[in-house]
Amino acid sequence: MKKVFITLFIFIIILAIYPHQTNALGEMIDSGDNFSKLGTENNIINMMDIKDVSDTIYNVLLTLGIAVAVIVAGVLGIQFITGSVSTKAKVKDSLIPFIIGCVIIFGSFGIWRALVMIGNKVA
């Protein structure tokens, strides 16, 4: 185990001493911008159509996410109210994955929406 840490430490030092810069991300962004400009100039890509499709997808998926979350919460609530002690314990165990799922679903939609709004302001 000590040899692994020493090897890793030496590797990190070598990377720090000999940094090599790549411009891969910048090249990818430039290529995307050039592609977008080419399509816009030739009237192939309409940015408003892309925005409309993105908004529609966002709204549909968010509505589905809310509907599924409400249905699952209702089912868990009914099971908790009407269930026995062992059923209530199972419902309590199910709440943690449910809450984590809700945070992931609604958090990802919030992040996606923020990125779309920032992208619209930049463009």
PDB file of N, CA and C in Angstrom:
ATOM      1  N   MET A   1       0.831  -1.185   0.000  1.00  0.00           N
ATOM      2  CA  MET A   1       0.000   0.000   0.000  1.00  0.00           C
ATOM      3  C   MET A   1       0.880   1.254   0.000  1.00  0.00           C
ATOM      4  N   LYS A   2       1.976   1.186   0.716  1.00  0.00           N
ATOM      5  CA  LYS A   2       2.884   2.323   0.778  1.00  0.00           C
ATOM      6  C   LYS A   2       3.503   2.589  -0.591  1.00  0.00           C
ATOM      7  N   LYS A   3       3.776   1.522  -1.342  1.00  0.00           N
ATOM      8  CA  LYS A   3       4.360   1.674  -2.675  1.00  0.00           C
ATOM      9  C   LYS A   3       3.369   2.367  -3.619  1.00  0.00           C
ATOM     10  N   VAL A   4       2.102   2.075  -3.446  1.00  0.00           N
ATOM     11  CA  VAL A   4       1.081   2.696  -4.296  1.00  0.00           C
ATOM     12  C   VAL A   4       1.032   4.197  -4.038  1.00  0.00           C
ATOM     13  N   PHE A   5       1.057   4.592  -2.754  1.00  0.00           N
ATOM     14  CA  PHE A   5       1.035   6.024  -2.429  1.00  0.00           C
ATOM     15  C   PHE A   5       2.293   6.728  -2.924  1.00  0.00           C
ATOM     16  N   ILE A   6       3.430   6.094  -2.798  1.00  0.00           N
ATOM     17  CA  ILE A   6       4.677   6.701  -3.276  1.00  0.00           C
ATOM     18  C   ILE A   6       4.632   6.855  -4.793  1.00  0.00           C
ATOM     19  N   THR A   7       4.165   5.821  -5.485  1.00  0.00           N
ATOM     20  CA  THR A   7       4.069   5.893  -6.940  1.00  0.00           C
ATOM     21  C   THR A   7       3.091   6.982  -7.363  1.00  0.00           C
ATOM     22  N   LEU A   8       1.965   7.057  -6.699  1.00  0.00           N
ATOM     23  CA  LEU A   8       0.982   8.093  -6.995  1.00  0.00           C
ATOM     24  C   LEU A   8       1.541   9.486  -6.729  1.00  0.00           C
ATOM     25  N   PHE A   9       2.256   9.641  -5.634  1.00  0.00           N
ATOM     26  CA  PHE A   9       2.862  10.923  -5.296  1.00  0.00           C
ATOM     27  C   PHE A   9       3.891  11.330  -6.349  1.00  0.00           C
ATOM     28  N   ILE A  10       4.720  10.398  -6.777  1.00  0.00           N
ATOM     29  CA  ILE A  10       5.722  10.688  -7.817  1.00  0.00           C
ATOM     30  C   ILE A  10       5.029  11.064  -9.126  1.00  0.00           C
ATOM     31  N   PHE A  11       3.971  10.358  -9.463  1.00  0.00           N
ATOM     32  CA  PHE A  11       3.224  10.656 -10.680  1.00  0.00           C
ATOM     33  C   PHE A  11       2.636  12.065 -10.633  1.00  0.00           C
ATOM     34  N   ILE A  12       2.095  12.451  -9.491  1.00  0.00           N
ATOM     35  CA  ILE A  12       1.526  13.796  -9.345  1.00  0.00           C
ATOM     36  C   ILE A  12       2.615  14.856  -9.455  1.00  0.00           C
ATOM     37  N   ILE A  13       3.766  14.595  -8.872  1.00  0.00           N
ATOM     38  CA  ILE A  13       4.883  15.551  -8.973  1.00  0.00           C
ATOM     39  C   ILE A  13       5.331  15.697 -10.416  1.00  0.00           C
ATOM     40  N   ILE A  14       5.423  14.589 -11.146  1.00  0.00           N
ATOM     41  CA  ILE A  14       5.830  14.656 -12.553  1.00  0.00           C
ATOM     42  C   ILE A  14       4.815  15.464 -13.356  1.00  0.00           C
ATOM     43  N   LEU A  15       3.531  15.260 -13.094  1.00  0.00           N
ATOM     44  CA  LEU A  15       2.514  16.032 -13.798  1.00  0.00           C
ATOM     45  C   LEU A  15       2.591  17.516 -13.456  1.00  0.00           C
ATOM     46  N   ALA A  16       2.940  17.820 -12.219  1.00  0.00           N
ATOM     47  CA  ALA A  16       3.060  19.220 -11.811  1.00  0.00           C
ATOM     48  C   ALA A  16       4.282  19.873 -12.442  1.00  0.00           C
ATOM     49  N   ILE A  17       5.354  19.112 -12.578  1.00  0.00           N
ATOM     50  CA  ILE A  17       6.589  19.669 -13.149  1.00  0.00           C
ATOM     51  C   ILE A  17       6.453  19.873 -14.652  1.00  0.00           C
ATOM     52  N   TYR A  18       5.842  18.937 -15.339  1.00  0.00           N
ATOM     53  CA  TYR A  18       5.715  19.002 -16.784  1.00  0.00           C
ATOM     54  C   TYR A  18       4.249  19.178 -17.187  1.00  0.00           C
ATOM     55  N   PRO A  19       3.699  20.353 -16.917  1.00  0.00           N
ATOM     56  CA  PRO A  19       2.294  20.528 -17.324  1.00  0.00           C
ATOM     57  C   PRO A  19       2.201  20.708 -18.828  1.00  0.00           C
ATOM     58  N   HIS A  20       1.282  20.044 -19.404  1.00  0.00           N
ATOM     59  CA  HIS A  20       1.037  20.233 -20.828  1.00  0.00           C
ATOM     60  C   HIS A  20      -0.401  20.711 -20.977  1.00  0.00           C
ATOM     61  N   GLN A  21      -0.546  21.748 -21.725  1.00  0.00           N
ATOM     62  CA  GLN A  21      -1.859  22.339 -21.876  1.00  0.00           C
ATOM     63  C   GLN A  21      -2.522  21.809 -23.137  1.00  0.00           C
ATOM     64  N   THR A  22      -3.775  21.534 -22.992  1.00  0.00           N
ATOM     65  CA  THR A  22      -4.560  21.165 -24.151  1.00  0.00           C
ATOM     66  C   THR A  22      -5.700  22.160 -24.274  1.00  0.00           C
ATOM     67  N   ASN A  23      -6.096  22.376 -25.461  1.00  0.00           N
ATOM     68  CA  ASN A  23      -7.183  23.296 -25.721  1.00  0.00           C
ATOM     69  C   ASN A  23      -8.371  22.538 -26.295  1.00  0.00           C
ATOM     70  N   ALA A  24      -8.567  21.319 -25.799  1.00  0.00           N
ATOM     71  CA  ALA A  24      -9.621  20.468 -26.353  1.00  0.00           C
ATOM     72  C   ALA A  24     -11.002  21.079 -26.131  1.00  0.00           C
ATOM     73  N   LEU A  25     -11.246  21.589 -24.935  1.00  0.00           N
ATOM     74  CA  LEU A  25     -12.557  22.159 -24.657  1.00  0.00           C
ATOM     75  C   LEU A  25     -12.808  23.394 -25.520  1.00  0.00           C
ATOM     76  N   GLY A  26     -11.802  24.235 -25.638  1.00  0.00           N
ATOM     77  CA  GLY A  26     -11.941  25.421 -26.478  1.00  0.00           C
ATOM     78  C   GLY A  26     -12.178  25.067 -27.936  1.00  0.00           C
ATOM     79  N   GLU A  27     -11.475  24.030 -28.411  1.00  0.00           N
ATOM     80  CA  GLU A  27     -11.665  23.593 -29.794  1.00  0.00           C
ATOM     81  C   GLU A  27     -13.066  23.023 -30.007  1.00  0.00           C
ATOM     82  N   MET A  28     -13.567  22.296 -29.010  1.00  0.00           N
ATOM     83  CA  MET A  28     -14.918  21.741 -29.127  1.00  0.00           C
ATOM     84  C   MET A  28     -15.958  22.859 -29.167  1.00  0.00           C
ATOM     85  N   ILE A  29     -15.787  23.859 -28.323  1.00  0.00           N
ATOM     86  CA  ILE A  29     -16.743  24.974 -28.295  1.00  0.00           C
ATOM     87  C   ILE A  29     -16.668  25.747 -29.604  1.00  0.00           C
ATOM     88  N   ASP A  30     -15.466  25.999 -30.100  1.00  0.00           N
ATOM     89  CA  ASP A  30     -15.322  26.701 -31.375  1.00  0.00           C
ATOM     90  C   ASP A  30     -15.950  25.914 -32.520  1.00  0.00           C
ATOM     91  N   SER A  31     -15.744  24.600 -32.525  1.00  0.00           N
ATOM     92  CA  SER A  31     -16.341  23.771 -33.577  1.00  0.00           C
ATOM     93  C   SER A  31     -17.864  23.826 -33.511  1.00  0.00           C
ATOM     94  N   GLY A  32     -18.402  23.782 -32.299  1.00  0.00           N
ATOM     95  CA  GLY A  32     -19.852  23.881 -32.146  1.00  0.00           C
ATOM     96  C   GLY A  32     -20.378  25.229 -32.601  1.00  0.00           C
ATOM     97  N   ASP A  33     -19.659  26.296 -32.244  1.00  0.00           N
ATOM     98  CA  ASP A  33     -20.076  27.634 -32.683  1.00  0.00           C
ATOM     99  C   ASP A  33     -20.023  27.752 -34.203  1.00  0.00           C
ATOM    100  N   ASN A  34     -18.952  27.231 -34.812  1.00  0.00           N
ATOM    101  CA  ASN A  34     -18.830  27.286 -36.266  1.00  0.00           C
ATOM    102  C   ASN A  34     -19.953  26.502 -36.941  1.00  0.00           C
ATOM    103  N   PHE A  35     -20.284  25.325 -36.372  1.00  0.00           N
ATOM    104  CA  PHE A  35     -21.381  24.522 -36.919  1.00  0.00           C
ATOM    105  C   PHE A  35     -22.702  25.266 -36.808  1.00  0.00           C
ATOM    106  N   SER A  36     -22.922  25.892 -35.655  1.00  0.00           N
ATOM    107  CA  SER A  36     -24.159  26.640 -35.439  1.00  0.00           C
ATOM    108  C   SER A  36     -24.238  27.829 -36.388  1.00  0.00           C
ATOM    109  N   LYS A  37     -23.137  28.545 -36.563  1.00  0.00           N
ATOM    110  CA  LYS A  37     -23.129  29.695 -37.469  1.00  0.00           C
ATOM    111  C   LYS A  37     -23.373  29.264 -38.909  1.00  0.00           C
ATOM    112  N   LEU A  38     -22.770  28.140 -39.302  1.00  0.00           N
ATOM    113  CA  LEU A  38     -22.959  27.643 -40.660  1.00  0.00           C
ATOM    114  C   LEU A  38     -24.421  27.310 -40.905  1.00  0.00           C
ATOM    115  N   GLY A  39     -25.053  26.650 -39.937  1.00  0.00           N
ATOM    116  CA  GLY A  39     -26.464  26.304 -40.085  1.00  0.00           C
ATOM    117  C   GLY A  39     -27.355  27.525 -40.069  1.00  0.00           C
ATOM    118  N   THR A  40     -27.017  28.521 -39.243  1.00  0.00           N
ATOM    119  CA  THR A  40     -27.814  29.738 -39.169  1.00  0.00           C
ATOM    120  C   THR A  40     -27.689  30.549 -40.451  1.00  0.00           C
ATOM    121  N   GLU A  41     -26.483  30.617 -40.987  1.00  0.00           N
ATOM    122  CA  GLU A  41     -26.277  31.389 -42.210  1.00  0.00           C
ATOM    123  C   GLU A  41     -27.026  30.778 -43.389  1.00  0.00           C
ATOM    124  N   ASN A  42     -27.116  29.449 -43.419  1.00  0.00           N
ATOM    125  CA  ASN A  42     -27.781  28.771 -44.526  1.00  0.00           C
ATOM    126  C   ASN A  42     -29.255  28.509 -44.241  1.00  0.00           C
ATOM    127  N   ASN A  43     -29.765  29.085 -43.136  1.00  0.00           N
ATOM    128  CA  ASN A  43     -31.163  28.910 -42.729  1.00  0.00           C
ATOM    129  C   ASN A  43     -31.525  27.443 -42.522  1.00  0.00           C
ATOM    130  N   ILE A  44     -30.537  26.650 -42.129  1.00  0.00           N
ATOM    131  CA  ILE A  44     -30.797  25.242 -41.830  1.00  0.00           C
ATOM    132  C   ILE A  44     -31.226  25.101 -40.376  1.00  0.00           C
ATOM    133  N   ILE A  45     -30.564  25.823 -39.496  1.00  0.00           N
ATOM    134  CA  ILE A  45     -30.854  25.740 -38.071  1.00  0.00           C
ATOM    135  C   ILE A  45     -31.565  27.012 -37.647  1.00  0.00           C
ATOM    136  N   ASN A  46     -32.726  26.849 -37.055  1.00  0.00           N
ATOM    137  CA  ASN A  46     -33.460  27.975 -36.511  1.00  0.00           C
ATOM    138  C   ASN A  46     -33.372  27.867 -34.990  1.00  0.00           C
ATOM    139  N   MET A  47     -32.693  28.799 -34.371  1.00  0.00           N
ATOM    140  CA  MET A  47     -32.452  28.727 -32.934  1.00  0.00           C
ATOM    141  C   MET A  47     -33.761  28.802 -32.136  1.00  0.00           C
ATOM    142  N   MET A  48     -34.754  29.485 -32.633  1.00  0.00           N
ATOM    143  CA  MET A  48     -36.022  29.563 -31.920  1.00  0.00           C
ATOM    144  C   MET A  48     -36.721  28.201 -31.911  1.00  0.00           C
ATOM    145  N   ASP A  49     -36.588  27.446 -33.017  1.00  0.00           N
ATOM    146  CA  ASP A  49     -37.167  26.101 -33.048  1.00  0.00           C
ATOM    147  C   ASP A  49     -36.480  25.206 -32.022  1.00  0.00           C
ATOM    148  N   ILE A  50     -35.168  25.326 -31.907  1.00  0.00           N
ATOM    149  CA  ILE A  50     -34.429  24.529 -30.924  1.00  0.00           C
ATOM    150  C   ILE A  50     -34.863  24.912 -29.518  1.00  0.00           C
ATOM    151  N   LYS A  51     -35.045  26.195 -29.268  1.00  0.00           N
ATOM    152  CA  LYS A  51     -35.495  26.657 -27.947  1.00  0.00           C
ATOM    153  C   LYS A  51     -36.895  26.139 -27.647  1.00  0.00           C
ATOM    154  N   ASP A  52     -37.774  26.188 -28.640  1.00  0.00           N
ATOM    155  CA  ASP A  52     -39.137  25.705 -28.438  1.00  0.00           C
ATOM    156  C   ASP A  52     -39.159  24.207 -28.127  1.00  0.00           C
ATOM    157  N   VAL A  53     -38.362  23.439 -28.843  1.00  0.00           N
ATOM    158  CA  VAL A  53     -38.300  21.995 -28.591  1.00  0.00           C
ATOM    159  C   VAL A  53     -37.723  21.731 -27.214  1.00  0.00           C
ATOM    160  N   SER A  54     -36.691  22.465 -26.844  1.00  0.00           N
ATOM    161  CA  SER A  54     -36.087  22.299 -25.525  1.00  0.00           C
ATOM    162  C   SER A  54     -37.077  22.644 -24.423  1.00  0.00           C
ATOM    163  N   ASP A  55     -37.819  23.718 -24.584  1.00  0.00           N
ATOM    164  CA  ASP A  55     -38.836  24.097 -23.598  1.00  0.00           C
ATOM    165  C   ASP A  55     -39.929  23.046 -23.495  1.00  0.00           C
ATOM    166  N   THR A  56     -40.346  22.498 -24.630  1.00  0.00           N
ATOM    167  CA  THR A  56     -41.389  21.476 -24.621  1.00  0.00           C
ATOM    168  C   THR A  56     -40.912  20.218 -23.899  1.00  0.00           C
ATOM    169  N   ILE A  57     -39.701  19.787 -24.213  1.00  0.00           N
ATOM    170  CA  ILE A  57     -39.142  18.602 -23.549  1.00  0.00           C
ATOM    171  C   ILE A  57     -39.040  18.847 -22.048  1.00  0.00           C
ATOM    172  N   TYR A  58     -38.553  20.010 -21.675  1.00  0.00           N
ATOM    173  CA  TYR A  58     -38.427  20.354 -20.258  1.00  0.00           C
ATOM    174  C   TYR A  58     -39.781  20.299 -19.559  1.00  0.00           C
ATOM    175  N   ASN A  59     -40.782  20.923 -20.141  1.00  0.00           N
ATOM    176  CA  ASN A  59     -42.107  20.972 -19.506  1.00  0.00           C
ATOM    177  C   ASN A  59     -42.732  19.586 -19.388  1.00  0.00           C
ATOM    178  N   VAL A  60     -42.613  18.766 -20.424  1.00  0.00           N
ATOM    179  CA  VAL A  60     -43.191  17.419 -20.389  1.00  0.00           C
ATOM    180  C   VAL A  60     -42.501  16.577 -19.329  1.00  0.00           C
ATOM    181  N   LEU A  61     -41.173  16.585 -19.318  1.00  0.00           N
ATOM    182  CA  LEU A  61     -40.451  15.762 -18.351  1.00  0.00           C
ATOM    183  C   LEU A  61     -40.660  16.252 -16.918  1.00  0.00           C
ATOM    184  N   LEU A  62     -40.722  17.547 -16.733  1.00  0.00           N
ATOM    185  CA  LEU A  62     -40.977  18.075 -15.388  1.00  0.00           C
ATOM    186  C   LEU A  62     -42.373  17.700 -14.910  1.00  0.00           C
ATOM    187  N   THR A  63     -43.356  17.783 -15.788  1.00  0.00           N
ATOM    188  CA  THR A  63     -44.717  17.390 -15.426  1.00  0.00           C
ATOM    189  C   THR A  63     -44.782  15.908 -15.080  1.00  0.00           C
ATOM    190  N   LEU A  64     -44.119  15.070 -15.872  1.00  0.00           N
ATOM    191  CA  LEU A  64     -44.084  13.639 -15.565  1.00  0.00           C
ATOM    192  C   LEU A  64     -43.390  13.378 -14.231  1.00  0.00           C
ATOM    193  N   GLY A  65     -42.294  14.077 -13.977  1.00  0.00           N
ATOM    194  CA  GLY A  65     -41.590  13.911 -12.714  1.00  0.00           C
ATOM    195  C   GLY A  65     -42.448  14.293 -11.520  1.00  0.00           C
ATOM    196  N   ILE A  66     -43.166  15.390 -11.641  1.00  0.00           N
ATOM    197  CA  ILE A  66     -44.056  15.819 -10.555  1.00  0.00           C
ATOM    198  C   ILE A  66     -45.176  14.805 -10.359  1.00  0.00           C
ATOM    199  N   ALA A  67     -45.757  14.322 -11.452  1.00  0.00           N
ATOM    200  CA  ALA A  67     -46.858  13.361 -11.349  1.00  0.00           C
ATOM    201  C   ALA A  67     -46.389  12.066 -10.680  1.00  0.00           C
ATOM    202  N   VAL A  68     -45.249  11.565 -11.093  1.00  0.00           N
ATOM    203  CA  VAL A  68     -44.733  10.329 -10.494  1.00  0.00           C
ATOM    204  C   VAL A  68     -44.417  10.545  -9.016  1.00  0.00           C
ATOM    205  N   ALA A  69     -43.817  11.676  -8.684  1.00  0.00           N
ATOM    206  CA  ALA A  69     -43.479  11.952  -7.284  1.00  0.00           C
ATOM    207  C   ALA A  69     -44.735  12.046  -6.427  1.00  0.00           C
ATOM    208  N   VAL A  70     -45.786  12.689  -6.924  1.00  0.00           N
ATOM    209  CA  VAL A  70     -47.025  12.813  -6.165  1.00  0.00           C
ATOM    210  C   VAL A  70     -47.696  11.448  -5.993  1.00  0.00           C
ATOM    211  N   ILE A  71     -47.716  10.651  -7.043  1.00  0.00           N
ATOM    212  CA  ILE A  71     -48.337   9.324  -6.962  1.00  0.00           C
ATOM    213  C   ILE A  71     -47.579   8.435  -5.973  1.00  0.00           C
ATOM    214  N   VAL A  72     -46.272   8.415  -6.074  1.00  0.00           N
ATOM    215  CA  VAL A  72     -45.474   7.591  -5.162  1.00  0.00           C
ATOM    216  C   VAL A  72     -45.629   8.081  -3.724  1.00  0.00           C
ATOM    217  N   ALA A  73     -45.635   9.392  -3.527  1.00  0.00           N
ATOM    218  CA  ALA A  73     -45.832   9.929  -2.175  1.00  0.00           C
ATOM    219  C   ALA A  73     -47.204   9.550  -1.634  1.00  0.00           C
ATOM    220  N   GLY A  74     -48.216   9.594  -2.476  1.00  0.00           N
ATOM    221  CA  GLY A  74     -49.560   9.198  -2.051  1.00  0.00           C
ATOM    222  C   GLY A  74     -49.635   7.728  -1.670  1.00  0.00           C
ATOM    223  N   VAL A  75     -49.032   6.885  -2.479  1.00  0.00           N
ATOM    224  CA  VAL A  75     -49.028   5.450  -2.184  1.00  0.00           C
ATOM    225  C   VAL A  75     -48.291   5.176  -0.882  1.00  0.00           C
ATOM    226  N   LEU A  76     -47.131   5.795  -0.715  1.00  0.00           N
ATOM    227  CA  LEU A  76     -46.375   5.605   0.533  1.00  0.00           C
ATOM    228  C   LEU A  76     -47.162   6.133   1.734  1.00  0.00           C
ATOM    229  N   GLY A  77     -47.838   7.250   1.577  1.00  0.00           N
ATOM    230  CA  GLY A  77     -48.640   7.804   2.666  1.00  0.00           C
ATOM    231  C   GLY A  77     -49.792   6.898   3.051  1.00  0.00           C
ATOM    232  N   ILE A  78     -50.492   6.354   2.051  1.00  0.00           N
ATOM    233  CA  ILE A  78     -51.609   5.443   2.330  1.00  0.00           C
ATOM    234  C   ILE A  78     -51.096   4.170   2.999  1.00  0.00           C
ATOM    235  N   GLN A  79     -49.971   3.652   2.514  1.00  0.00           N
ATOM    236  CA  GLN A  79     -49.394   2.456   3.138  1.00  0.00           C
ATOM    237  C   GLN A  79     -48.987   2.740   4.582  1.00  0.00           C
ATOM    238  N   PHE A  80     -48.478   3.925   4.825  1.00  0.00           N
ATOM    239  CA  PHE A  80     -48.043   4.258   6.183  1.00  0.00           C
ATOM    240  C   PHE A  80     -49.241   4.391   7.122  1.00  0.00           C
ATOM    241  N   ILE A  81     -50.309   4.996   6.627  1.00  0.00           N
ATOM    242  CA  ILE A  81     -51.490   5.210   7.471  1.00  0.00           C
ATOM    243  C   ILE A  81     -52.214   3.894   7.759  1.00  0.00           C
ATOM    244  N   THR A  82     -52.364   3.069   6.740  1.00  0.00           N
ATOM    245  CA  THR A  82     -53.176   1.861   6.885  1.00  0.00           C
ATOM    246  C   THR A  82     -52.376   0.614   7.235  1.00  0.00           C
ATOM    247  N   GLY A  83     -51.073   0.700   7.220  1.00  0.00           N
ATOM    248  CA  GLY A  83     -50.255  -0.490   7.394  1.00  0.00           C
ATOM    249  C   GLY A  83     -50.001  -0.874   8.835  1.00  0.00           C
ATOM    250  N   SER A  84     -49.501  -2.068   8.968  1.00  0.00           N
ATOM    251  CA  SER A  84     -49.108  -2.559  10.289  1.00  0.00           C
ATOM    252  C   SER A  84     -47.745  -1.981  10.653  1.00  0.00           C
ATOM    253  N   VAL A  85     -47.232  -2.415  11.789  1.00  0.00           N
ATOM    254  CA  VAL A  85     -45.943  -1.895  12.250  1.00  0.00           C
ATOM    255  C   VAL A  85     -44.833  -2.268  11.272  1.00  0.00           C
ATOM    256  N   SER A  86     -44.834  -3.487  10.767  1.00  0.00           N
ATOM    257  CA  SER A  86     -43.787  -3.899   9.822  1.00  0.00           C
ATOM    258  C   SER A  86     -43.923  -3.152   8.491  1.00  0.00           C
ATOM    259  N   THR A  87     -45.163  -2.894   8.077  1.00  0.00           N
ATOM    260  CA  THR A  87     -45.373  -2.129   6.841  1.00  0.00           C
ATOM    261  C   THR A  87     -44.891  -0.696   7.010  1.00  0.00           C
ATOM    262  N   LYS A  88     -45.154  -0.121   8.179  1.00  0.00           N
ATOM    263  CA  LYS A  88     -44.682   1.241   8.439  1.00  0.00           C
ATOM    264  C   LYS A  88     -43.165   1.304   8.420  1.00  0.00           C
ATOM    265  N   ALA A  89     -42.505   0.268   8.912  1.00  0.00           N
ATOM    266  CA  ALA A  89     -41.037   0.236   8.876  1.00  0.00           C
ATOM    267  C   ALA A  89     -40.543   0.164   7.436  1.00  0.00           C
ATOM    268  N   LYS A  90     -41.229  -0.626   6.607  1.00  0.00           N
ATOM    269  CA  LYS A  90     -40.842  -0.717   5.192  1.00  0.00           C
ATOM    270  C   LYS A  90     -41.049   0.620   4.481  1.00  0.00           C
ATOM    271  N   VAL A  91     -42.149   1.299   4.822  1.00  0.00           N
ATOM    272  CA  VAL A  91     -42.424   2.601   4.212  1.00  0.00           C
ATOM    273  C   VAL A  91     -41.349   3.601   4.617  1.00  0.00           C
ATOM    274  N   LYS A  92     -40.956   3.581   5.876  1.00  0.00           N
ATOM    275  CA  LYS A  92     -39.897   4.492   6.327  1.00  0.00           C
ATOM    276  C   LYS A  92     -38.590   4.204   5.603  1.00  0.00           C
ATOM    277  N   ASP A  93     -38.314   2.927   5.351  1.00  0.00           N
ATOM    278  CA  ASP A  93     -37.109   2.579   4.589  1.00  0.00           C
ATOM    279  C   ASP A  93     -37.212   3.047   3.144  1.00  0.00           C
ATOM    280  N   SER A  94     -38.430   3.101   2.606  1.00  0.00           N
ATOM    281  CA  SER A  94     -38.633   3.542   1.224  1.00  0.00           C
ATOM    282  C   SER A  94     -38.559   5.052   1.081  1.00  0.00           C
ATOM    283  N   LEU A  95     -38.696   5.770   2.165  1.00  0.00           N
ATOM    284  CA  LEU A  95     -38.691   7.238   2.078  1.00  0.00           C
ATOM    285  C   LEU A  95     -37.334   7.801   1.672  1.00  0.00           C
ATOM    286  N   ILE A  96     -36.259   7.191   2.123  1.00  0.00           N
ATOM    287  CA  ILE A  96     -34.923   7.718   1.793  1.00  0.00           C
ATOM    288  C   ILE A  96     -34.671   7.670   0.289  1.00  0.00           C
ATOM    289  N   PRO A  97     -34.870   6.512  -0.393  1.00  0.00           N
ATOM    290  CA  PRO A  97     -34.696   6.529  -1.855  1.00  0.00           C
ATOM    291  C   PRO A  97     -35.671   7.463  -2.564  1.00  0.00           C
ATOM    292  N   PHE A  98     -36.885   7.587  -2.018  1.00  0.00           N
ATOM    293  CA  PHE A  98     -37.873   8.488  -2.620  1.00  0.00           C
ATOM    294  C   PHE A  98     -37.397   9.932  -2.555  1.00  0.00           C
ATOM    295  N   ILE A  99     -36.913  10.341  -1.392  1.00  0.00           N
ATOM    296  CA  ILE A  99     -36.434  11.717  -1.229  1.00  0.00           C
ATOM    297  C   ILE A  99     -35.206  11.965  -2.093  1.00  0.00           C
ATOM    298  N   ILE A 100     -34.286  11.011  -2.129  1.00  0.00           N
ATOM    299  CA  ILE A 100     -33.088  11.156  -2.974  1.00  0.00           C
ATOM    300  C   ILE A 100     -33.493  11.257  -4.443  1.00  0.00           C
ATOM    301  N   GLY A 101     -34.460  10.446  -4.866  1.00  0.00           N
ATOM    302  CA  GLY A 101     -34.945  10.512  -6.247  1.00  0.00           C
ATOM    303  C   GLY A 101     -35.563  11.855  -6.576  1.00  0.00           C
ATOM    304  N   CYS A 102     -36.352  12.387  -5.634  1.00  0.00           N
ATOM    305  CA  CYS A 102     -36.961  13.712  -5.858  1.00  0.00           C
ATOM    306  C   CYS A 102     -35.901  14.798  -5.966  1.00  0.00           C
ATOM    307  N   VAL A 103     -34.899  14.739  -5.108  1.00  0.00           N
ATOM    308  CA  VAL A 103     -33.822  15.735  -5.165  1.00  0.00           C
ATOM    309  C   VAL A 103     -33.082  15.639  -6.492  1.00  0.00           C
ATOM    310  N   ILE A 104     -32.811  14.416  -6.951  1.00  0.00           N
ATOM    311  CA  ILE A 104     -32.100  14.248  -8.223  1.00  0.00           C
ATOM    312  C   ILE A 104     -32.951  14.752  -9.382  1.00  0.00           C
ATOM    313  N   ILE A 105     -34.221  14.355  -9.407  1.00  0.00           N
ATOM    314  CA  ILE A 105     -35.089  14.756 -10.524  1.00  0.00           C
ATOM    315  C   ILE A 105     -35.253  16.273 -10.580  1.00  0.00           C
ATOM    316  N   PHE A 106     -35.664  16.863  -9.465  1.00  0.00           N
ATOM    317  CA  PHE A 106     -35.933  18.297  -9.488  1.00  0.00           C
ATOM    318  C   PHE A 106     -34.652  19.115  -9.510  1.00  0.00           C
ATOM    319  N   GLY A 107     -33.586  18.604  -8.922  1.00  0.00           N
ATOM    320  CA  GLY A 107     -32.294  19.294  -9.000  1.00  0.00           C
ATOM    321  C   GLY A 107     -31.750  19.302 -10.413  1.00  0.00           C
ATOM    322  N   SER A 108     -31.867  18.159 -11.103  1.00  0.00           N
ATOM    323  CA  SER A 108     -31.362  18.106 -12.474  1.00  0.00           C
ATOM    324  C   SER A 108     -32.183  19.004 -13.396  1.00  0.00           C
ATOM    325  N   PHE A 109     -33.494  19.059 -13.168  1.00  0.00           N
ATOM    326  CA  PHE A 109     -34.306  19.967 -13.978  1.00  0.00           C
ATOM    327  C   PHE A 109     -33.930  21.420 -13.706  1.00  0.00           C
ATOM    328  N   GLY A 110     -33.669  21.739 -12.457  1.00  0.00           N
ATOM    329  CA  GLY A 110     -33.259  23.106 -12.125  1.00  0.00           C
ATOM    330  C   GLY A 110     -31.931  23.469 -12.755  1.00  0.00           C
ATOM    331  N   ILE A 111     -30.985  22.541 -12.713  1.00  0.00           N
ATOM    332  CA  ILE A 111     -29.671  22.787 -13.335  1.00  0.00           C
ATOM    333  C   ILE A 111     -29.828  22.927 -14.843  1.00  0.00           C
ATOM    334  N   TRP A 112     -30.614  22.037 -15.456  1.00  0.00           N
ATOM    335  CA  TRP A 112     -30.809  22.106 -16.900  1.00  0.00           C
ATOM    336  C   TRP A 112     -31.448  23.440 -17.274  1.00  0.00           C
ATOM    337  N   ARG A 113     -32.450  23.848 -16.534  1.00  0.00           N
ATOM    338  CA  ARG A 113     -33.136  25.101 -16.834  1.00  0.00           C
ATOM    339  C   ARG A 113     -32.185  26.294 -16.684  1.00  0.00           C
ATOM    340  N   ALA A 114     -31.366  26.259 -15.641  1.00  0.00           N
ATOM    341  CA  ALA A 114     -30.405  27.352 -15.435  1.00  0.00           C
ATOM    342  C   ALA A 114     -29.414  27.410 -16.595  1.00  0.00           C
ATOM    343  N   LEU A 115     -28.940  26.248 -17.048  1.00  0.00           N
ATOM    344  CA  LEU A 115     -27.986  26.225 -18.159  1.00  0.00           C
ATOM    345  C   LEU A 115     -28.641  26.726 -19.454  1.00  0.00           C
ATOM    346  N   VAL A 116     -29.891  26.358 -19.676  1.00  0.00           N
ATOM    347  CA  VAL A 116     -30.595  26.831 -20.873  1.00  0.00           C
ATOM    348  C   VAL A 116     -30.762  28.345 -20.818  1.00  0.00           C
ATOM    349  N   MET A 117     -31.129  28.868 -19.651  1.00  0.00           N
ATOM    350  CA  MET A 117     -31.308  30.309 -19.526  1.00  0.00           C
ATOM    351  C   MET A 117     -29.987  31.048 -19.718  1.00  0.00           C
ATOM    352  N   ILE A 118     -28.908  30.514 -19.144  1.00  0.00           N
ATOM    353  CA  ILE A 118     -27.591  31.138 -19.324  1.00  0.00           C
ATOM    354  C   ILE A 118     -27.183  31.070 -20.787  1.00  0.00           C
ATOM    355  N   GLY A 119     -27.432  29.932 -21.420  1.00  0.00           N
ATOM    356  CA  GLY A 119     -27.095  29.785 -22.850  1.00  0.00           C
ATOM    357  C   GLY A 119     -27.878  30.736 -23.710  1.00  0.00           C
ATOM    358  N   ASN A 120     -29.130  30.979 -23.367  1.00  0.00           N
ATOM    359  CA  ASN A 120     -29.938  31.923 -24.150  1.00  0.00           C
ATOM    360  C   ASN A 120     -29.446  33.347 -23.997  1.00  0.00           C
ATOM    361  N   LYS A 121     -28.951  33.689 -22.801  1.00  0.00           N
ATOM    362  CA  LYS A 121     -28.436  35.042 -22.592  1.00  0.00           C
ATOM    363  C   LYS A 121     -27.120  35.252 -23.313  1.00  0.00           C
ATOM    364  N   VAL A 122     -26.291  34.195 -23.397  1.00  0.00           N
ATOM    365  CA  VAL A 122     -24.998  34.297 -24.051  1.00  0.00           C
ATOM    366  C   VAL A 122     -25.174  34.410 -25.559  1.00  0.00           C
ATOM    367  N   ALA A 123     -26.108  33.611 -26.090  1.00  0.00           N
ATOM    368  CA  ALA A 123     -26.292  33.569 -27.548  1.00  0.00           C
ATOM    369  C   ALA A 123     -27.003  34.743 -28.056  1.00  0.00           C
TER     370      ALA A 123
END
